[in-house]
N, C-alpha and C. Protein backbone atom coordinates (compact mmCIF):
# COMPACT_ATOMS: atom_id res chain seq x y z
N MET A 1 -53.53 211.45 -31.20
CA MET A 1 -53.35 212.09 -30.16
C MET A 1 -53.72 211.87 -28.91
N ARG A 2 -54.45 210.77 -28.80
CA ARG A 2 -55.05 210.88 -27.38
C ARG A 2 -53.88 208.75 -27.49
N LEU A 3 -54.27 208.09 -28.37
CA LEU A 3 -53.56 207.16 -28.12
C LEU A 3 -51.70 207.10 -28.65
N ASP A 4 -51.18 207.74 -29.29
CA ASP A 4 -49.85 207.42 -29.69
C ASP A 4 -48.64 207.78 -28.44
N PRO A 5 -49.01 207.20 -28.00
CA PRO A 5 -47.30 208.06 -26.75
C PRO A 5 -46.20 209.58 -26.90
N VAL A 6 -46.24 208.16 -28.23
CA VAL A 6 -44.90 209.94 -28.96
C VAL A 6 -45.61 210.95 -29.02
N THR A 7 -46.95 210.45 -29.67
CA THR A 7 -47.59 211.94 -30.22
C THR A 7 -48.13 212.86 -29.38
N LYS A 8 -48.23 211.86 -28.35
CA LYS A 8 -48.48 212.64 -26.92
C LYS A 8 -47.23 213.32 -26.33
N ALA A 9 -46.62 213.15 -25.88
CA ALA A 9 -45.65 213.28 -25.63
C ALA A 9 -45.49 215.39 -26.57
N TYR A 10 -45.33 214.78 -27.90
CA TYR A 10 -44.71 216.12 -28.94
C TYR A 10 -45.63 217.19 -28.71
N VAL A 11 -47.03 216.89 -28.16
CA VAL A 11 -48.44 218.05 -27.82
C VAL A 11 -48.39 218.30 -26.66
N ALA A 12 -47.46 217.63 -25.73
CA ALA A 12 -47.45 217.95 -23.92
C ALA A 12 -46.18 219.32 -24.43
N ARG A 13 -44.85 219.15 -24.99
CA ARG A 13 -44.05 219.63 -25.69
C ARG A 13 -44.27 221.03 -25.87
N ARG A 14 -44.84 220.62 -27.11
CA ARG A 14 -45.96 222.37 -27.27
C ARG A 14 -46.18 223.22 -26.62
N VAL A 15 -47.62 222.41 -25.82
CA VAL A 15 -48.06 222.53 -24.85
C VAL A 15 -46.99 223.90 -23.84
N SER A 16 -46.53 223.14 -23.57
CA SER A 16 -46.19 223.81 -22.48
C SER A 16 -44.53 224.70 -22.96
N GLU A 17 -44.96 224.47 -24.84
CA GLU A 17 -43.90 226.23 -25.19
C GLU A 17 -44.51 227.58 -25.11
N GLY A 18 -46.28 227.24 -24.69
CA GLY A 18 -46.69 228.34 -24.12
C GLY A 18 -47.88 228.00 -25.77
N LYS A 19 -48.33 227.16 -26.35
CA LYS A 19 -48.91 227.14 -27.10
C LYS A 19 -50.22 226.28 -27.19
N THR A 20 -51.01 227.04 -27.83
CA THR A 20 -52.50 226.50 -27.35
C THR A 20 -52.68 225.00 -28.58
N SER A 21 -53.74 224.23 -27.75
CA SER A 21 -53.94 223.17 -27.92
C SER A 21 -54.32 223.26 -29.57
N ARG A 22 -55.15 224.00 -30.44
CA ARG A 22 -55.28 224.22 -31.85
C ARG A 22 -53.75 224.19 -32.44
N ASP A 23 -52.69 225.14 -31.33
CA ASP A 23 -51.10 225.34 -32.18
C ASP A 23 -50.33 224.32 -32.42
N ALA A 24 -50.70 223.10 -31.59
CA ALA A 24 -50.13 221.74 -30.90
C ALA A 24 -50.23 221.20 -32.13
N GLN A 25 -51.42 221.31 -31.97
CA GLN A 25 -52.35 220.67 -33.56
C GLN A 25 -51.96 220.44 -34.95
N ARG A 26 -52.05 221.93 -35.00
CA ARG A 26 -51.16 222.58 -36.15
C ARG A 26 -49.62 222.06 -36.33
N CYS A 27 -49.16 222.14 -35.18
CA CYS A 27 -47.63 221.49 -35.86
C CYS A 27 -47.49 220.22 -35.71
N LEU A 28 -48.37 219.30 -35.53
CA LEU A 28 -48.02 217.76 -35.16
C LEU A 28 -48.67 217.85 -36.39
N LYS A 29 -49.67 218.35 -37.45
CA LYS A 29 -49.92 217.72 -39.29
C LYS A 29 -49.56 218.42 -39.29
N ARG A 30 -47.95 219.60 -38.92
CA ARG A 30 -46.63 220.07 -40.42
C ARG A 30 -45.77 219.20 -40.04
N ALA A 31 -45.80 217.97 -38.50
CA ALA A 31 -44.29 217.15 -38.40
C ALA A 31 -44.59 215.85 -39.48
N ILE A 32 -46.21 215.72 -39.21
CA ILE A 32 -46.51 214.41 -40.20
C ILE A 32 -46.16 214.48 -41.53
N CYS A 33 -47.22 215.67 -41.91
CA CYS A 33 -46.36 216.36 -43.17
C CYS A 33 -45.05 216.32 -43.81
N ARG A 34 -44.06 216.59 -43.29
CA ARG A 34 -42.72 216.23 -43.48
C ARG A 34 -42.69 215.34 -43.81
N GLN A 35 -42.59 214.25 -42.60
CA GLN A 35 -42.26 212.42 -42.15
C GLN A 35 -43.18 211.89 -43.60
N LEU A 36 -44.43 212.34 -43.78
CA LEU A 36 -45.18 211.73 -44.86
C LEU A 36 -44.73 212.18 -46.78
N PHE A 37 -43.74 212.99 -46.24
CA PHE A 37 -42.58 214.08 -48.10
C PHE A 37 -41.61 213.03 -48.27
N LYS A 38 -41.32 212.62 -46.76
CA LYS A 38 -39.82 212.73 -46.74
C LYS A 38 -39.59 211.07 -47.84
N ILE A 39 -40.79 210.19 -46.80
CA ILE A 39 -41.28 208.67 -47.46
C ILE A 39 -41.57 208.94 -48.83
N LEU A 40 -42.18 210.41 -49.06
CA LEU A 40 -42.98 210.06 -50.60
C LEU A 40 -41.89 210.21 -51.36
N GLU A 41 -41.05 211.59 -51.10
CA GLU A 41 -39.74 211.52 -51.72
C GLU A 41 -38.38 210.15 -52.35
N ARG A 42 -38.25 209.14 -50.76
CA ARG A 42 -37.78 208.12 -51.27
C ARG A 42 -38.47 207.24 -51.73
N SER A 43 -39.51 206.66 -51.99
CA SER A 43 -40.44 205.76 -52.94
C SER A 43 -40.42 206.22 -54.06
N ASP A 44 -40.40 208.11 -54.64
CA ASP A 44 -40.41 208.37 -55.77
C ASP A 44 -39.22 207.77 -56.25
N ARG A 45 -37.96 208.67 -55.78
CA ARG A 45 -36.65 208.00 -56.23
C ARG A 45 -36.25 206.98 -56.57
N ASP A 46 -36.69 205.99 -55.66
CA ASP A 46 -35.93 204.23 -55.87
C ASP A 46 -36.87 203.99 -57.20
N ALA A 47 -38.27 204.47 -57.03
CA ALA A 47 -39.20 203.72 -58.51
C ALA A 47 -38.28 204.21 -59.60
N GLY A 48 -37.43 205.81 -59.55
CA GLY A 48 -37.48 205.71 -60.75
C GLY A 48 -36.19 205.33 -61.27
N GLU A 49 -35.46 204.35 -60.93
CA GLU A 49 -34.63 204.19 -61.21
C GLU A 49 -34.50 202.58 -62.22
N ASP A 50 -35.46 202.22 -62.11
CA ASP A 50 -36.26 200.69 -62.97
C ASP A 50 -37.81 201.15 -63.76
N PRO A 51 -37.89 201.61 -65.10
CA PRO A 51 -38.25 201.83 -66.28
C PRO A 51 -39.62 201.70 -65.55
N GLU A 52 -39.49 199.58 -65.47
CA GLU A 52 -40.85 199.20 -65.23
C GLU A 52 -41.03 199.56 -64.12
N ASN A 53 -41.11 199.83 -63.20
CA ASN A 53 -41.39 200.48 -62.25
C ASN A 53 -42.42 201.72 -62.28
N LEU A 54 -42.76 202.17 -63.08
CA LEU A 54 -42.58 203.48 -63.34
C LEU A 54 -44.60 203.53 -63.88
N ALA A 55 -43.97 201.88 -64.63
CA ALA A 55 -45.97 202.31 -65.50
C ALA A 55 -46.85 201.36 -63.56
N GLN A 56 -46.07 200.69 -63.15
CA GLN A 56 -46.76 200.18 -61.69
C GLN A 56 -46.86 201.16 -60.36
N ALA A 57 -45.85 202.08 -60.54
CA ALA A 57 -46.28 203.90 -59.91
C ALA A 57 -47.97 204.36 -59.93
N ALA A 58 -48.11 204.29 -61.82
CA ALA A 58 -49.14 205.27 -62.02
C ALA A 58 -49.94 205.16 -61.93
């Protein structure tokens, strides 16, 4: 929240919507989790195509 300009803008937008700083942080954590989950889903789908990659993923 302190260094990344995109994150600063996100938190500022949430605070301007009337959320508290803690609520904005909670929203930020959820947004980060959604992005990470998408990345993990994509990598899991790619690893499932080749049986040799399954042993490496484990």
